[in-house]
Amino acid sequence: MQILPFKQVDVFTQKPFWGNPVAVVIGAECVEPAEMQRIAAWTNLSETTFVLRPSSANADYRLRIFSPKQELPFAGHPTIGSAHAVIESGFASPREGKLRQECLAGILDLSVEITETGQK
């Protein structure tokens, strides 16, 4: 069994355990879709995401988003939480204040803002 980085991110808050949580698995190229679905059911959060290398040269990373029951083409708070985890882990870095995320809904431009406290 391969061990992958896993993070639970609180979205829409700066206080731990007050936000909208999303589970993020980084570098999930070796995880099959059925296993992604099983992991999403296990976390029992509204969404669990899997970060992969992009399949398009126009994106910084690829994101697969799963609810406990199905894969989703896009979801807001998982996108935001996963972008935070991608930057924090060094998987991808913003360029000129932007990240480009590839997901089932297409390639999306995300604006990245660094706050005074250095948080993204």
Protein backbone atom coordinates (compact mmCIF):
# COMPACT_ATOMS: atom_id res chain seq x y z
CA MET A 1 0.00 0.00 0.00
CA GLN A 2 1.37 3.40 -0.99
CA ILE A 3 1.13 6.27 1.51
CA LEU A 4 -0.05 9.59 0.08
CA PRO A 5 -0.18 13.05 1.66
CA PHE A 6 -3.67 13.69 3.02
CA LYS A 7 -4.95 16.95 4.46
CA GLN A 8 -8.27 18.10 5.82
CA VAL A 9 -8.78 21.78 5.07
CA ASP A 10 -11.25 24.12 6.80
CA VAL A 11 -12.61 26.39 4.05
CA PHE A 12 -14.21 29.80 4.66
CA THR A 13 -12.65 30.33 8.09
CA GLN A 14 -9.41 31.17 9.84
CA LYS A 15 -10.44 29.23 12.97
CA PRO A 16 -9.80 25.48 13.11
CA PHE A 17 -12.93 23.33 13.11
CA TRP A 18 -15.27 26.22 12.18
CA GLY A 19 -15.21 26.03 8.38
CA ASN A 20 -16.52 23.80 5.66
CA PRO A 21 -14.14 20.80 5.61
CA VAL A 22 -12.74 19.07 2.56
CA ALA A 23 -10.32 16.13 2.48
CA VAL A 24 -7.48 16.52 -0.03
CA VAL A 25 -5.24 13.69 -1.24
CA ILE A 26 -2.10 15.03 -2.96
CA GLY A 27 -0.31 13.22 -5.78
CA ALA A 28 -3.05 10.66 -6.38
CA GLU A 29 -1.90 9.38 -9.79
CA CYS A 30 -1.73 5.81 -8.47
CA VAL A 31 -5.28 5.86 -7.06
CA GLU A 32 -7.91 4.26 -9.27
CA PRO A 33 -11.33 5.98 -9.57
CA ALA A 34 -13.12 3.20 -7.66
CA GLU A 35 -10.63 3.61 -4.82
CA MET A 36 -11.14 7.40 -4.90
CA GLN A 37 -14.84 6.79 -4.48
CA ARG A 38 -14.23 4.39 -1.59
CA ILE A 39 -11.94 6.91 0.15
CA ALA A 40 -14.55 9.65 -0.30
CA ALA A 41 -17.17 7.42 1.32
CA TRP A 42 -14.73 6.64 4.16
CA THR A 43 -13.99 10.31 4.93
CA ASN A 44 -17.76 10.89 5.07
CA LEU A 45 -17.27 14.58 4.25
CA SER A 46 -19.43 16.35 1.69
CA GLU A 47 -16.43 16.18 -0.70
CA THR A 48 -13.00 14.62 -0.94
CA THR A 49 -10.58 15.72 -3.65
CA PHE A 50 -7.66 14.08 -5.38
CA VAL A 51 -4.84 16.22 -6.78
CA LEU A 52 -3.02 14.89 -9.84
CA ARG A 53 -0.59 16.14 -12.43
CA PRO A 54 -2.49 17.97 -15.18
CA SER A 55 -3.29 16.22 -18.45
CA SER A 56 -3.26 19.62 -20.19
CA ALA A 57 -0.22 21.87 -20.56
CA ASN A 58 -2.63 24.77 -19.88
CA ALA A 59 -3.25 23.72 -16.25
CA ASP A 60 -1.14 23.69 -13.08
CA TYR A 61 -2.84 20.61 -11.62
CA ARG A 62 -5.84 18.33 -12.13
CA LEU A 63 -8.53 17.89 -9.49
CA ARG A 64 -11.02 15.06 -9.14
CA ILE A 65 -13.87 15.79 -6.74
CA PHE A 66 -15.93 13.06 -5.09
CA SER A 67 -18.90 13.15 -2.75
CA PRO A 68 -19.46 9.98 -0.69
CA LYS A 69 -21.68 8.71 -3.54
CA GLN A 70 -20.36 10.08 -6.86
CA GLU A 71 -17.77 12.10 -8.75
CA LEU A 72 -18.62 15.77 -9.32
CA PRO A 73 -17.53 17.94 -12.27
CA PHE A 74 -16.99 20.98 -10.01
CA ALA A 75 -17.69 22.20 -6.47
CA GLY A 76 -16.78 25.53 -4.88
CA HIS A 77 -15.39 24.86 -1.43
CA PRO A 78 -13.43 21.77 -2.55
CA THR A 79 -11.80 23.89 -5.26
CA ILE A 80 -10.78 26.56 -2.75
CA GLY A 81 -9.55 24.10 -0.11
CA SER A 82 -7.64 22.05 -2.67
CA ALA A 83 -5.96 25.15 -4.11
CA HIS A 84 -4.78 26.01 -0.60
CA ALA A 85 -3.43 22.47 -0.10
CA VAL A 86 -1.74 22.48 -3.53
CA ILE A 87 0.10 25.71 -2.73
CA GLU A 88 0.94 24.73 0.86
CA SER A 89 2.34 21.35 -0.24
CA GLY A 90 4.35 22.82 -3.12
CA PHE A 91 2.53 20.63 -5.66
CA ALA A 92 1.90 23.77 -7.74
CA SER A 93 2.64 27.46 -7.35
CA PRO A 94 0.59 30.44 -8.47
CA ARG A 95 1.95 32.45 -11.37
CA GLU A 96 1.10 36.13 -11.47
CA GLY A 97 -1.54 35.57 -8.77
CA LYS A 98 -3.28 32.73 -10.61
CA LEU A 99 -3.57 28.96 -10.52
CA ARG A 100 -5.11 27.00 -13.37
CA GLN A 101 -7.13 24.00 -12.21
CA GLU A 102 -8.20 21.23 -14.55
CA CYS A 103 -11.36 19.37 -13.51
CA LEU A 104 -14.28 17.65 -15.23
CA ALA A 105 -15.87 21.08 -15.80
CA GLY A 106 -12.78 22.22 -17.77
CA ILE A 107 -9.80 24.42 -16.98
CA LEU A 108 -10.60 27.10 -14.44
CA ASP A 109 -8.58 30.19 -13.53
CA LEU A 110 -8.30 30.71 -9.78
CA SER A 111 -7.12 34.00 -8.30
CA VAL A 112 -4.68 33.66 -5.41
CA GLU A 113 -4.32 36.42 -2.86
CA ILE A 114 -1.64 36.52 -0.19
CA THR A 115 -2.94 38.16 2.98
CA GLU A 116 -0.94 40.23 5.46
CA THR A 117 -0.53 37.12 7.64
CA GLY A 118 0.95 35.25 4.68
CA GLN A 119 -2.03 32.90 4.37
CA LYS A 120 -3.42 32.00 0.96
